[in-house]
Protein backbone atom coordinates (compact mmCIF):
# COMPACT_ATOMS: atom_id res chain seq x y z
CA MET A 1 -76.28 -70.38 0.15
CA HIS A 2 -79.80 -71.27 -1.02
CA LEU A 3 -80.47 -73.17 2.21
CA ARG A 4 -79.50 -70.12 4.27
CA ALA A 5 -81.85 -67.96 2.21
CA LEU A 6 -84.74 -70.42 2.70
CA GLU A 7 -84.07 -70.59 6.42
CA ALA A 8 -84.08 -66.79 6.66
CA SER A 9 -87.42 -66.67 4.82
CA ARG A 10 -88.91 -69.30 7.10
CA GLN A 11 -87.82 -67.41 10.20
CA LEU A 12 -89.32 -64.24 8.78
CA PHE A 13 -92.73 -65.41 7.58
CA VAL A 14 -93.75 -68.55 9.49
CA PRO A 15 -94.28 -66.67 12.77
CA LEU A 16 -96.70 -64.38 10.97
CA LEU A 17 -99.04 -67.26 10.20
CA THR A 18 -99.74 -67.73 13.90
CA HIS A 19 -99.61 -64.07 14.83
CA GLY A 20 -102.90 -63.13 16.53
CA ARG A 21 -102.70 -59.43 15.70
CA PHE A 22 -102.26 -60.29 12.04
CA TRP A 23 -105.55 -62.17 11.82
CA LYS A 24 -107.34 -59.58 14.02
CA TYR A 25 -106.15 -56.86 11.66
CA LEU A 26 -107.73 -58.66 8.75
CA ARG A 27 -111.01 -59.30 10.59
CA ASP A 28 -111.26 -55.64 11.52
CA CYS A 29 -111.00 -54.64 7.86
CA THR A 30 -114.52 -53.99 6.45
CA ILE A 31 -113.26 -55.36 3.16
CA PHE A 32 -110.79 -58.24 3.09
CA SER A 33 -108.20 -56.91 0.68
CA VAL A 34 -104.85 -58.07 -0.55
CA GLU A 35 -103.67 -54.48 -0.23
CA ALA A 36 -104.43 -54.55 3.47
CA ALA A 37 -102.39 -57.70 3.90
CA ARG A 38 -99.55 -56.16 1.94
CA ARG A 39 -99.51 -53.08 4.17
CA TRP A 40 -99.47 -55.22 7.31
CA PHE A 41 -96.56 -57.27 6.00
CA THR A 42 -94.65 -54.11 5.12
CA ASP A 43 -95.25 -52.50 8.51
CA HIS A 44 -94.39 -55.53 10.61
CA THR A 45 -91.61 -57.19 8.62
CA SER A 46 -89.41 -54.19 7.82
CA SER A 47 -88.10 -53.90 11.36
CA ARG A 48 -87.61 -57.65 11.63
CA SER A 49 -85.77 -57.72 8.29
CA ALA A 50 -83.50 -54.86 9.33
CA ALA A 51 -82.68 -56.67 12.55
CA ILE A 52 -81.72 -59.84 10.68
CA ILE A 53 -79.55 -57.88 8.24
CA THR A 54 -77.84 -56.00 11.07
CA ASN A 55 -77.17 -59.27 12.86
CA GLU A 56 -75.67 -60.89 9.76
CA ILE A 57 -73.48 -57.86 9.01
CA GLU A 58 -72.25 -57.88 12.60
CA LYS A 59 -71.33 -61.55 12.27
CA ILE A 60 -69.36 -60.78 9.10
CA ARG A 61 -67.55 -57.92 10.86
CA ILE A 62 -66.62 -60.19 13.77
CA GLU A 63 -65.46 -62.84 11.31
CA PHE A 64 -63.35 -60.26 9.49
CA GLU A 65 -61.73 -59.01 12.68
CA GLY A 66 -61.00 -62.58 13.74
CA ALA A 67 -59.50 -63.30 10.34
CA LYS A 68 -57.18 -60.28 10.50
CA GLN A 69 -55.93 -61.33 13.91
CA SER A 70 -55.34 -64.89 12.73
CA PHE A 71 -53.59 -64.12 9.43
CA GLY A 72 -50.25 -64.54 11.14
CA ASN A 73 -51.02 -68.21 11.84
CA ILE A 74 -51.88 -69.11 8.26
CA PRO A 75 -48.31 -69.87 7.07
CA ALA A 76 -48.01 -72.68 9.65
CA ALA A 77 -51.00 -74.37 8.06
CA LEU A 78 -49.89 -73.69 4.51
CA ARG A 79 -46.43 -75.17 5.09
CA LYS A 80 -48.04 -78.56 5.56
CA MET A 81 -49.77 -78.39 2.21
CA PRO A 82 -48.12 -80.08 -0.80
CA LYS A 83 -46.52 -77.89 -3.44
CA MET A 84 -46.94 -78.03 -7.18
CA ASN A 85 -44.08 -79.40 -9.25
CA PRO A 86 -42.48 -76.68 -11.41
CA GLU A 87 -41.29 -79.40 -13.79
CA GLY A 88 -44.54 -81.33 -13.80
CA ILE A 89 -46.70 -82.23 -16.77
CA TYR A 90 -50.16 -80.65 -16.51
CA VAL A 91 -53.05 -82.28 -18.27
CA ASN A 92 -56.00 -80.64 -20.05
CA LYS A 93 -57.10 -83.79 -21.90
CA ASN A 94 -56.43 -87.39 -20.91
CA LEU A 95 -53.38 -88.78 -22.67
CA ARG A 96 -52.09 -92.36 -22.86
CA LEU A 97 -48.41 -92.26 -23.74
CA ASP A 98 -48.45 -95.99 -24.44
CA LYS A 99 -50.59 -95.19 -27.50
CA ILE A 100 -48.11 -92.62 -28.87
CA LYS A 101 -45.80 -93.98 -31.56
CA VAL A 102 -44.47 -90.75 -33.07
CA TYR A 103 -42.95 -87.73 -31.35
CA GLY A 104 -42.58 -84.43 -33.23
CA PHE A 105 -40.73 -81.30 -32.10
CA ASP A 106 -40.40 -77.65 -32.95
CA TYR A 107 -36.90 -76.23 -32.50
CA ASP A 108 -36.91 -72.67 -31.14
CA TYR A 109 -38.01 -72.48 -27.50
CA THR A 110 -38.90 -76.18 -27.60
CA LEU A 111 -35.73 -78.20 -28.10
CA ALA A 112 -33.62 -75.05 -27.84
CA HIS A 113 -34.08 -72.62 -24.98
CA TYR A 114 -32.52 -69.17 -25.03
CA SER A 115 -31.18 -66.78 -22.43
CA LYS A 116 -32.62 -63.32 -21.80
CA ASN A 117 -29.85 -61.93 -24.00
CA LEU A 118 -31.82 -63.01 -27.06
CA GLN A 119 -34.70 -60.64 -26.29
CA SER A 120 -32.33 -57.70 -25.95
CA LEU A 121 -30.60 -58.67 -29.21
CA THR A 122 -33.89 -58.95 -31.10
CA TYR A 123 -35.07 -55.63 -29.65
CA ASP A 124 -31.88 -53.79 -30.61
CA LEU A 125 -31.77 -55.20 -34.14
CA ALA A 126 -35.43 -54.34 -34.75
CA LYS A 127 -34.95 -50.86 -33.28
CA ASP A 128 -32.04 -50.22 -35.63
CA PHE A 129 -34.12 -51.38 -38.61
CA LEU A 130 -36.91 -48.95 -37.70
CA VAL A 131 -34.47 -46.03 -37.72
CA ARG A 132 -32.15 -47.01 -40.59
CA GLU A 133 -34.68 -48.49 -43.01
CA LEU A 134 -38.10 -47.13 -42.01
CA LYS A 135 -36.77 -43.66 -41.10
CA TYR A 136 -38.10 -43.51 -37.55
CA PRO A 137 -36.64 -40.66 -35.42
CA GLU A 138 -32.98 -41.07 -34.51
CA SER A 139 -33.97 -40.59 -30.88
CA CYS A 140 -35.51 -44.10 -30.99
CA LEU A 141 -31.98 -45.49 -30.93
CA GLN A 142 -31.83 -44.53 -27.25
CA PHE A 143 -34.50 -47.12 -26.39
CA GLN A 144 -33.40 -49.97 -24.12
CA TYR A 145 -35.12 -53.32 -23.76
CA ASP A 146 -36.90 -53.60 -20.40
CA PRO A 147 -37.32 -57.29 -19.41
CA SER A 148 -39.55 -56.35 -16.46
CA PHE A 149 -42.31 -54.90 -18.65
CA PRO A 150 -43.73 -57.54 -21.05
CA ILE A 151 -45.36 -60.91 -20.50
CA ARG A 152 -46.59 -63.45 -23.02
CA GLY A 153 -50.25 -63.57 -24.00
CA LEU A 154 -50.99 -59.85 -24.41
CA TYR A 155 -53.03 -58.19 -27.17
CA PHE A 156 -52.34 -55.01 -29.08
CA ASP A 157 -55.24 -52.86 -30.21
CA LYS A 158 -54.26 -51.54 -33.64
CA MET A 159 -57.10 -49.03 -33.57
CA LYS A 160 -56.55 -47.45 -30.16
CA GLY A 161 -52.90 -48.24 -29.55
CA CYS A 162 -53.35 -50.01 -26.21
CA LEU A 163 -51.59 -53.11 -24.97
CA LEU A 164 -54.15 -55.30 -23.21
CA LYS A 165 -54.18 -58.25 -20.88
CA LEU A 166 -57.51 -60.07 -21.15
CA ASP A 167 -59.05 -62.57 -18.78
CA PHE A 168 -60.49 -65.97 -19.66
CA PHE A 169 -63.78 -64.40 -20.78
CA GLY A 170 -62.29 -61.66 -22.96
CA SER A 171 -62.55 -58.76 -20.52
CA ILE A 172 -59.77 -56.23 -20.01
CA GLU A 173 -57.88 -56.59 -16.78
CA PRO A 174 -58.53 -53.43 -14.67
CA ASP A 175 -54.78 -52.96 -14.20
CA GLY A 176 -53.75 -54.57 -17.48
CA CYS A 177 -54.19 -51.80 -20.04
CA PHE A 178 -51.21 -49.70 -21.17
CA LEU A 179 -50.97 -46.88 -23.68
CA GLY A 180 -47.27 -46.78 -24.40
CA ARG A 181 -45.62 -47.37 -21.06
CA GLN A 182 -48.33 -45.63 -19.07
CA LYS A 183 -51.05 -47.60 -17.33
CA VAL A 184 -54.59 -46.63 -18.33
CA SER A 185 -56.88 -46.05 -15.36
CA ARG A 186 -60.07 -48.05 -14.93
CA GLN A 187 -62.14 -44.96 -15.62
CA ASN A 188 -60.26 -44.27 -18.85
CA ILE A 189 -60.67 -47.90 -19.93
CA ILE A 190 -64.44 -47.38 -19.76
CA GLU A 191 -64.13 -44.10 -21.67
CA ILE A 192 -62.05 -45.76 -24.41
CA TYR A 193 -63.89 -49.06 -24.76
CA GLY A 194 -67.32 -48.40 -23.27
CA SER A 195 -66.88 -51.35 -20.90
CA ARG A 196 -64.15 -53.75 -19.90
CA HIS A 197 -65.57 -56.47 -22.10
CA ILE A 198 -64.22 -56.60 -25.63
CA GLY A 199 -67.01 -57.00 -28.17
CA ARG A 200 -66.72 -58.66 -31.57
CA ASP A 201 -66.26 -55.38 -33.44
CA GLN A 202 -63.44 -54.33 -31.13
CA ALA A 203 -61.87 -57.81 -31.14
CA SER A 204 -61.27 -57.58 -34.89
CA GLY A 205 -58.70 -54.86 -34.24
CA LEU A 206 -56.73 -56.90 -31.70
CA VAL A 207 -53.60 -58.90 -32.53
CA ARG A 208 -52.26 -61.66 -30.30
CA LEU A 209 -48.72 -61.57 -28.96
CA MET A 210 -48.34 -65.18 -27.88
CA ASP A 211 -44.92 -66.66 -28.64
CA PHE A 212 -41.67 -66.24 -26.76
CA PHE A 213 -40.26 -63.87 -29.37
CA CYS A 214 -43.11 -61.44 -28.61
CA PHE A 215 -41.34 -60.04 -25.52
CA SER A 216 -39.11 -57.78 -27.57
CA GLU A 217 -42.04 -56.93 -29.86
CA VAL A 218 -44.30 -55.88 -26.95
CA CYS A 219 -41.59 -53.72 -25.44
CA LEU A 220 -40.71 -52.03 -28.74
CA ILE A 221 -44.35 -51.27 -29.59
CA ALA A 222 -44.87 -49.70 -26.17
CA ASP A 223 -41.67 -47.66 -26.39
CA VAL A 224 -42.48 -46.30 -29.85
CA VAL A 225 -46.02 -45.32 -28.84
CA GLN A 226 -44.73 -43.66 -25.67
CA HIS A 227 -42.07 -41.79 -27.63
CA PHE A 228 -44.63 -40.39 -30.08
CA ARG A 229 -46.92 -39.36 -27.22
CA ASP A 230 -44.12 -37.67 -25.29
CA ALA A 231 -42.98 -35.82 -28.40
CA GLN A 232 -46.60 -34.94 -29.21
CA LEU A 233 -46.25 -36.45 -32.67
CA GLU A 234 -49.27 -37.67 -34.56
CA TYR A 235 -49.23 -41.40 -35.26
CA ASP A 236 -51.48 -44.24 -36.34
CA ALA A 237 -51.26 -47.22 -33.99
CA SER A 238 -51.85 -49.69 -36.85
CA TYR A 239 -48.79 -48.30 -38.67
CA VAL A 240 -46.69 -48.64 -35.53
CA TYR A 241 -47.72 -52.27 -35.22
CA GLU A 242 -47.07 -53.03 -38.88
CA ASP A 243 -43.65 -51.35 -38.81
CA VAL A 244 -42.51 -53.06 -35.60
CA THR A 245 -43.77 -56.43 -36.86
CA HIS A 246 -41.98 -55.84 -40.16
CA ALA A 247 -38.78 -55.02 -38.27
CA ILE A 248 -39.05 -58.16 -36.10
CA GLN A 249 -39.71 -60.32 -39.16
CA HIS A 250 -36.74 -58.78 -40.93
CA VAL A 251 -34.52 -59.62 -37.98
CA HIS A 252 -35.55 -63.27 -38.25
CA GLY A 253 -35.84 -63.54 -42.03
CA SER A 254 -32.63 -61.74 -42.96
CA GLY A 255 -30.49 -64.22 -41.07
CA ILE A 256 -28.76 -61.56 -38.99
CA LEU A 257 -30.30 -62.88 -35.76
CA HIS A 258 -29.36 -66.49 -36.54
CA LYS A 259 -25.79 -65.60 -37.45
CA THR A 260 -25.33 -63.50 -34.32
CA ILE A 261 -26.56 -66.36 -32.11
CA LEU A 262 -24.27 -68.89 -33.76
CA SER A 263 -21.32 -66.52 -33.47
CA ASP A 264 -21.62 -66.69 -29.66
CA PRO A 265 -23.89 -69.62 -28.71
CA LYS A 266 -22.82 -69.57 -25.07
CA LYS A 267 -24.33 -66.12 -24.72
CA TYR A 268 -27.70 -67.01 -26.17
CA LEU A 269 -28.32 -70.78 -25.94
CA MET A 270 -28.94 -72.63 -22.67
CA LYS A 271 -27.52 -76.13 -22.50
CA ASN A 272 -29.42 -78.99 -20.89
CA ASN A 273 -27.96 -82.50 -20.77
CA GLN A 274 -31.43 -83.95 -20.12
CA LEU A 275 -32.49 -83.16 -23.68
CA SER A 276 -30.26 -85.82 -25.26
CA LYS A 277 -31.34 -88.33 -22.60
CA PHE A 278 -34.98 -87.75 -23.44
CA LEU A 279 -34.53 -88.06 -27.19
CA THR A 280 -32.28 -91.10 -26.80
CA MET A 281 -34.77 -92.78 -24.49
CA LEU A 282 -37.56 -92.32 -27.02
CA LYS A 283 -35.36 -93.75 -29.76
CA GLU A 284 -34.47 -96.78 -27.64
CA LYS A 285 -38.16 -97.38 -26.92
CA GLY A 286 -38.79 -97.68 -30.65
CA LYS A 287 -40.56 -94.35 -31.06
CA LYS A 288 -40.40 -92.42 -34.33
CA LEU A 289 -39.07 -88.86 -34.07
CA PHE A 290 -39.35 -85.90 -36.42
CA LEU A 291 -38.26 -82.26 -36.32
CA LEU A 292 -40.58 -79.67 -37.87
CA THR A 293 -39.30 -76.10 -37.63
CA ASN A 294 -39.58 -72.76 -39.41
CA SER A 295 -35.88 -72.06 -38.87
CA PRO A 296 -33.31 -72.71 -41.66
CA TYR A 297 -31.24 -75.86 -41.45
CA TYR A 298 -27.85 -74.20 -40.88
CA PHE A 299 -29.20 -72.45 -37.78
CA VAL A 300 -30.75 -75.62 -36.35
CA ASP A 301 -27.62 -77.62 -37.13
CA GLY A 302 -25.33 -75.15 -35.37
CA GLY A 303 -27.62 -74.98 -32.35
CA MET A 304 -28.05 -78.74 -31.98
CA ARG A 305 -24.31 -79.31 -32.25
CA PHE A 306 -23.74 -76.82 -29.45
CA LEU A 307 -26.52 -78.22 -27.26
CA LEU A 308 -25.28 -81.82 -27.58
CA GLU A 309 -21.50 -81.23 -27.59
CA ASP A 310 -21.06 -82.16 -23.92
CA THR A 311 -23.21 -85.29 -24.04
CA GLY A 312 -20.63 -87.45 -25.80
CA VAL A 313 -23.18 -88.67 -28.34
CA TYR A 314 -24.91 -87.28 -31.38
CA ARG A 315 -22.92 -84.03 -31.47
CA ASP A 316 -22.00 -84.35 -35.12
CA SER A 317 -24.78 -86.78 -35.98
CA TRP A 318 -27.73 -85.30 -34.14
CA ARG A 319 -29.90 -86.04 -37.18
CA ASP A 320 -29.56 -89.74 -36.33
CA LEU A 321 -32.01 -89.06 -33.52
CA PHE A 322 -34.73 -88.12 -36.00
CA ASP A 323 -36.46 -90.13 -38.67
CA VAL A 324 -37.48 -86.97 -40.51
CA VAL A 325 -35.99 -83.44 -40.39
CA ILE A 326 -38.03 -80.61 -41.95
CA ALA A 327 -36.76 -77.00 -41.91
CA CYS A 328 -38.26 -73.76 -43.25
CA ALA A 329 -41.66 -75.39 -42.87
CA ASN A 330 -43.56 -72.08 -42.91
CA LYS A 331 -45.94 -72.96 -40.08
CA PRO A 332 -48.85 -72.39 -39.65
CA THR A 333 -49.37 -72.43 -43.45
CA PHE A 334 -47.76 -75.87 -43.40
CA TYR A 335 -50.92 -77.34 -41.88
CA THR A 336 -53.35 -75.99 -44.48
CA SER A 337 -51.40 -75.59 -47.74
CA GLU A 338 -50.50 -78.16 -50.40
CA HIS A 339 -46.95 -76.94 -50.84
CA PRO A 340 -44.59 -79.75 -51.96
CA PHE A 341 -41.55 -80.93 -50.04
CA ARG A 342 -38.10 -80.15 -51.45
CA CYS A 343 -34.88 -82.04 -50.74
CA TYR A 344 -32.23 -79.74 -49.26
CA ASP A 345 -28.56 -80.23 -50.09
CA ILE A 346 -26.71 -79.34 -46.87
CA GLU A 347 -23.35 -79.13 -48.68
CA LYS A 348 -24.40 -76.89 -51.55
CA ASP A 349 -27.19 -75.03 -49.73
CA THR A 350 -29.57 -75.69 -52.63
CA LEU A 351 -32.97 -77.28 -53.17
CA ALA A 352 -33.47 -80.22 -55.50
CA PHE A 353 -36.12 -80.26 -58.23
CA THR A 354 -37.09 -83.93 -57.91
CA ALA A 355 -40.43 -84.84 -56.37
CA VAL A 356 -40.44 -86.14 -52.79
CA ASP A 357 -42.57 -89.27 -52.35
CA LYS A 358 -40.71 -90.77 -49.41
CA PHE A 359 -38.49 -89.58 -46.56
CA LEU A 360 -34.93 -90.94 -46.66
CA PRO A 361 -32.50 -91.26 -43.72
CA GLU A 362 -29.87 -88.52 -43.48
CA GLN A 363 -31.88 -86.31 -45.83
CA VAL A 364 -33.14 -82.86 -44.87
CA TYR A 365 -36.37 -81.47 -46.30
CA TYR A 366 -37.69 -77.95 -46.77
CA HIS A 367 -41.23 -76.54 -46.96
CA GLY A 368 -43.95 -79.17 -47.53
CA CYS A 369 -47.41 -79.51 -46.01
CA LEU A 370 -49.30 -81.66 -43.53
CA LYS A 371 -51.30 -83.44 -46.23
CA SER A 372 -48.16 -84.74 -47.97
CA PHE A 373 -46.49 -85.50 -44.65
CA LEU A 374 -49.33 -87.83 -43.62
CA GLN A 375 -49.46 -89.48 -47.04
CA ILE A 376 -45.73 -90.22 -47.04
CA THR A 377 -45.38 -91.38 -43.43
CA GLU A 378 -48.82 -92.98 -42.99
CA TRP A 379 -48.70 -91.87 -39.37
CA ASN A 380 -52.24 -91.59 -38.05
CA GLY A 381 -53.22 -88.50 -36.11
CA PRO A 382 -53.90 -89.92 -32.59
CA GLU A 383 -50.58 -91.80 -32.52
CA VAL A 384 -48.62 -88.59 -33.16
CA ILE A 385 -47.75 -86.05 -30.48
CA TYR A 386 -46.20 -82.67 -31.30
CA PHE A 387 -44.26 -80.35 -28.97
CA GLY A 388 -44.25 -76.61 -29.65
CA ASP A 389 -44.14 -73.25 -27.89
CA HIS A 390 -46.43 -71.18 -30.12
CA LEU A 391 -50.08 -71.96 -29.50
CA PHE A 392 -51.21 -70.82 -32.92
CA SER A 393 -48.29 -71.43 -35.29
CA ASP A 394 -47.27 -74.72 -33.69
CA LEU A 395 -50.28 -76.31 -32.02
CA ARG A 396 -53.57 -75.12 -33.49
CA GLY A 397 -53.00 -76.91 -36.81
CA PRO A 398 -51.92 -80.24 -35.24
CA SER A 399 -54.81 -80.21 -32.78
CA LYS A 400 -57.28 -79.76 -35.63
CA ALA A 401 -55.55 -82.56 -37.55
CA GLY A 402 -56.02 -84.97 -34.67
CA TRP A 403 -52.47 -84.96 -33.36
CA ARG A 404 -51.95 -84.85 -29.61
CA THR A 405 -50.25 -81.62 -28.55
CA VAL A 406 -47.80 -80.47 -25.88
CA ALA A 407 -47.35 -76.77 -25.17
CA ILE A 408 -43.84 -75.89 -24.00
CA ILE A 409 -44.15 -72.86 -21.74
CA HIS A 410 -40.81 -71.94 -20.27
CA GLU A 411 -42.15 -69.36 -17.82
CA LEU A 412 -44.38 -71.98 -16.20
CA GLU A 413 -41.54 -73.04 -13.89
CA LYS A 414 -41.02 -69.52 -12.56
CA GLU A 415 -44.69 -68.89 -11.95
CA ILE A 416 -45.20 -72.18 -10.11
CA ARG A 417 -42.16 -71.51 -7.94
CA ILE A 418 -43.68 -68.16 -7.01
CA GLN A 419 -47.02 -69.81 -6.23
CA ASN A 420 -45.19 -72.27 -3.97
CA THR A 421 -43.65 -69.52 -1.83
CA GLU A 422 -44.99 -68.89 1.65
CA GLU A 423 -45.49 -65.19 0.90
CA TYR A 424 -47.70 -65.89 -2.13
CA ARG A 425 -49.70 -68.57 -0.35
CA LEU A 426 -50.34 -66.24 2.56
CA GLN A 427 -51.67 -63.50 0.29
CA GLN A 428 -53.70 -66.05 -1.66
CA ALA A 429 -55.30 -67.44 1.50
CA LYS A 430 -56.13 -63.92 2.68
CA PHE A 431 -57.56 -63.06 -0.74
CA HIS A 432 -59.92 -66.06 -0.73
CA ILE A 433 -61.02 -65.35 2.83
CA ILE A 434 -61.87 -61.76 1.90
CA GLN A 435 -63.64 -62.97 -1.23
CA GLU A 436 -65.89 -65.24 0.82
CA LEU A 437 -66.64 -62.51 3.35
CA LEU A 438 -67.53 -60.13 0.50
CA GLY A 439 -69.85 -62.78 -0.90
CA LYS A 440 -71.58 -63.09 2.46
CA PHE A 441 -71.80 -59.32 2.76
CA HIS A 442 -73.43 -58.84 -0.64
CA MET A 443 -75.81 -61.72 0.01
CA ALA A 444 -76.92 -60.08 3.23
CA MET A 445 -77.29 -56.66 1.63
CA SER A 446 -79.29 -58.08 -1.29
CA ARG A 447 -82.11 -58.76 1.15
CA CYS A 448 -82.29 -55.12 2.16
CA GLY A 449 -82.96 -52.18 -0.12
CA GLU A 450 -80.98 -49.74 2.03
CA GLN A 451 -77.26 -49.47 1.38
CA THR A 452 -75.71 -49.45 4.83
CA CYS A 453 -72.48 -50.62 6.42
CA HIS A 454 -70.30 -48.87 3.86
CA SER A 455 -67.35 -48.86 6.26
CA LEU A 456 -67.20 -52.67 6.40
CA LEU A 457 -67.53 -52.93 2.63
CA GLU A 458 -64.73 -50.42 2.16
CA GLU A 459 -62.48 -52.27 4.60
CA LEU A 460 -63.05 -55.57 2.82
CA ASN A 461 -62.39 -54.04 -0.60
CA VAL A 462 -59.21 -52.32 0.60
CA GLU A 463 -57.90 -55.61 1.98
CA ARG A 464 -58.80 -57.47 -1.21
CA ILE A 465 -57.08 -54.87 -3.42
CA HIS A 466 -53.98 -55.07 -1.21
CA CYS A 467 -53.80 -58.87 -1.50
CA ARG A 468 -54.39 -58.71 -5.24
CA SER A 469 -51.64 -56.12 -5.69
CA MET A 470 -49.17 -58.10 -3.58
CA MET A 471 -49.76 -61.25 -5.62
CA ARG A 472 -49.57 -59.64 -9.05
CA ASN A 473 -46.34 -57.80 -8.24
CA MET A 474 -44.63 -61.07 -7.38
CA PHE A 475 -44.93 -62.00 -11.05
CA ASN A 476 -44.76 -58.80 -13.08
CA THR A 477 -45.38 -55.27 -11.82
CA SER A 478 -46.97 -54.20 -15.11
CA PHE A 479 -49.23 -57.09 -16.10
CA GLY A 480 -49.09 -59.62 -13.27
CA ALA A 481 -49.06 -63.37 -13.88
CA THR A 482 -49.05 -64.90 -17.34
CA PHE A 483 -51.68 -67.50 -16.54
CA LEU A 484 -53.85 -65.65 -14.02
CA ALA A 485 -55.97 -62.54 -14.01
CA ASP A 486 -55.92 -60.34 -10.91
CA SER A 487 -59.37 -61.64 -9.98
CA GLY A 488 -57.94 -65.12 -9.54
CA GLN A 489 -59.53 -66.35 -12.76
CA GLU A 490 -57.48 -67.65 -15.66
CA SER A 491 -56.15 -65.28 -18.31
CA ALA A 492 -56.93 -65.31 -22.02
CA PHE A 493 -53.54 -66.96 -22.55
CA SER A 494 -54.68 -69.80 -20.29
CA TYR A 495 -57.82 -70.10 -22.38
CA HIS A 496 -55.78 -70.76 -25.51
CA ILE A 497 -53.55 -73.27 -23.71
CA HIS A 498 -56.65 -75.08 -22.52
CA HIS A 499 -58.05 -75.05 -26.06
CA TYR A 500 -55.01 -76.14 -28.10
CA ALA A 501 -52.74 -78.09 -25.73
CA ASP A 502 -53.61 -81.57 -24.49
CA VAL A 503 -50.83 -81.21 -21.91
CA TYR A 504 -48.35 -78.47 -21.08
CA THR A 505 -45.03 -78.29 -19.30
CA SER A 506 -41.92 -76.10 -19.16
CA LYS A 507 -39.61 -78.23 -21.35
CA PRO A 508 -39.78 -81.55 -23.24
CA GLU A 509 -37.28 -83.36 -21.02
CA ASN A 510 -39.76 -83.15 -18.13
CA PHE A 511 -41.28 -86.27 -19.71
CA LEU A 512 -38.28 -88.17 -18.31
CA LEU A 513 -40.07 -87.99 -14.95
CA TYR A 514 -42.79 -90.24 -16.36
CA SER A 515 -42.85 -93.69 -17.89
CA PRO A 516 -43.23 -93.81 -21.70
CA GLU A 517 -46.30 -95.98 -21.00
CA ALA A 518 -47.84 -93.59 -18.46
CA TRP A 519 -51.50 -92.64 -18.55
CA LEU A 520 -51.84 -88.92 -17.92
CA HIS A 521 -55.23 -87.96 -16.53
CA VAL A 522 -57.00 -84.68 -15.94
CA PRO A 523 -57.16 -84.09 -12.14
CA PHE A 524 -60.60 -84.99 -10.84
CA ASP A 525 -61.10 -81.57 -9.22
CA ILE A 526 -59.77 -79.47 -12.10
CA LYS A 527 -61.27 -76.03 -12.57
CA ILE A 528 -59.62 -74.84 -15.79
CA MET A 529 -55.84 -74.97 -15.52
CA PRO A 530 -54.62 -77.99 -13.54
CA HIS A 531 -51.55 -76.22 -12.13
CA HIS A 532 -53.69 -73.58 -10.45
CA VAL A 533 -55.21 -73.41 -7.01
CA LYS A 534 -58.93 -73.74 -7.54
CA GLY A 535 -61.52 -71.08 -6.85
CA THR A 536 -63.09 -73.33 -4.20
CA PHE A 537 -59.94 -72.77 -2.17
CA ILE A 538 -61.83 -72.32 1.10
CA SER A 539 -61.57 -75.46 3.25
CA SER A 540 -60.30 -77.30 6.22
CA VAL A 541 -56.79 -75.83 6.47
CA LEU A 542 -58.06 -72.93 8.60
CA ASN A 543 -60.50 -74.95 10.72
CA PHE A 544 -58.15 -74.74 13.69
CA LEU A 545 -58.28 -70.94 13.43
CA ASN A 546 -62.09 -70.99 13.78
CA ILE A 547 -62.47 -68.38 11.06
CA VAL A 548 -63.51 -68.82 7.45
CA LYS A 549 -63.11 -72.32 6.07
CA PHE A 550 -61.30 -72.41 2.80
CA PHE A 551 -60.83 -75.32 0.47
CA SER A 552 -57.40 -76.15 -0.75
CA SER A 553 -56.87 -77.79 -4.06
CA PHE A 554 -53.11 -77.54 -4.31
CA HIS A 555 -51.96 -80.55 -6.31
CA LYS A 556 -49.07 -82.59 -5.08
CA TYR A 557 -49.57 -84.79 -8.09
CA PRO A 558 -51.06 -82.84 -11.00
CA THR A 559 -51.72 -85.96 -13.02
CA SER A 560 -53.14 -89.34 -12.17
CA ILE A 561 -50.81 -91.93 -13.55
CA LYS A 562 -51.37 -95.59 -14.26
CA THR A 563 -48.44 -97.60 -15.48
CA LYS A 564 -49.33 -100.29 -17.94
CA LEU A 565 -48.57 -103.69 -16.47
């Protein structure tokens, strides 16, 4: 880019140095003045500059027309490109598994995965609590959970009542702001927030909705706000948030959700025979295993029995897989408090009063804290790896304590499968081509003060918006992809994954695809998220089309692996 600018300057000014009329003009001036030289340059370079700009714009137009005619040939090229593995392990920080001696796991949405029925159940139970206990209008009972609306990683503005999707740099997505169930226009976003960027003062009023249980919470918040707006009832968005959060917490804390799940586990829990293979493999390799969950023991016990009942092993003795089992841990407070451990009597459902100074086999523990855990086990931070689905409750504390961390993100598989489709890749290739042409266009126009060629600019923008809309609707028609912003940059959710997770994958058993001694490396050409196509997409795949070159960084192998010999 800089070389092209220098070349353009050389072509413009070097001829002037040998231009006879230029020097004659200066000699004819009674007074040699800088102003005279400036006027000559202005008079004689403006037409030349305009000609260069016109020529460059015409080249861009020809390139654009050629690209449109050749879009139909792109899939043939893209089919030859390797696809990303939906079950792969993606690396943010280099990780040597041969150095890991201890494996820790959360339970919900980590060891146990749930069907979509759980979100509807949580939504309905919370909705009933709002009406029966918090005296919300009876009409709220007509609400129905809409699985097509929410995604993980949104923010709720308690001051203004908007649900927001933010990009990696904390700016509001142009099409990712909803007031109730109605999308807020770009113009109204500016009127509400002053700009798309969220400042520190505004950020203090935002709450993160990051875990897998937030789907029902997001949908219920939006439905309540929309209901109040439709009924023209006055409301305070902070009260709506507090009430919905209180209802969701009641659903979990009261035990009604747990009991309903255990009453019909086939409806809510998803079995996976690979889970027992993974845990057994770790045990056979001499690794230490522990379970650290906020759920009560009876719920975990019922779920693990169901999940392992078809494996032929560990159904009734699943605790034999773990060296330590800790329930009702109260994460994230677990990582910062000094709360003592209590022995839990699984027969009597009571807590003992004796001090815990060591962890015994077959014993279950409640509460506790990280400080005591490390003192009792003497497991050093870097040799411990912890798997969890909640970036803040599960992983932020361990990452600060020096543990290695694995984010379990169930929706990763779906999004990668979408990115691997021919339809998505076609729209993505078109989007990057248009992006490069727009970059060339703006570079050319920056050399000219006059704003011309609006028709070409409008055509390029229309095509870019179309590609962007097509891609986002493949994921979620309301908020688009979980990991990506519409601009192609990473989302705020991706930022937190990058910050708190050393590696991430869709489920723990994906580690069966790798040796327990594998070295997992950050891809050499990583931008931010290693499972994403990079921004420097423009490359050799379209060389045969003789249009814009675009660089592909699809990863057939998202991690570099060395096996210890």
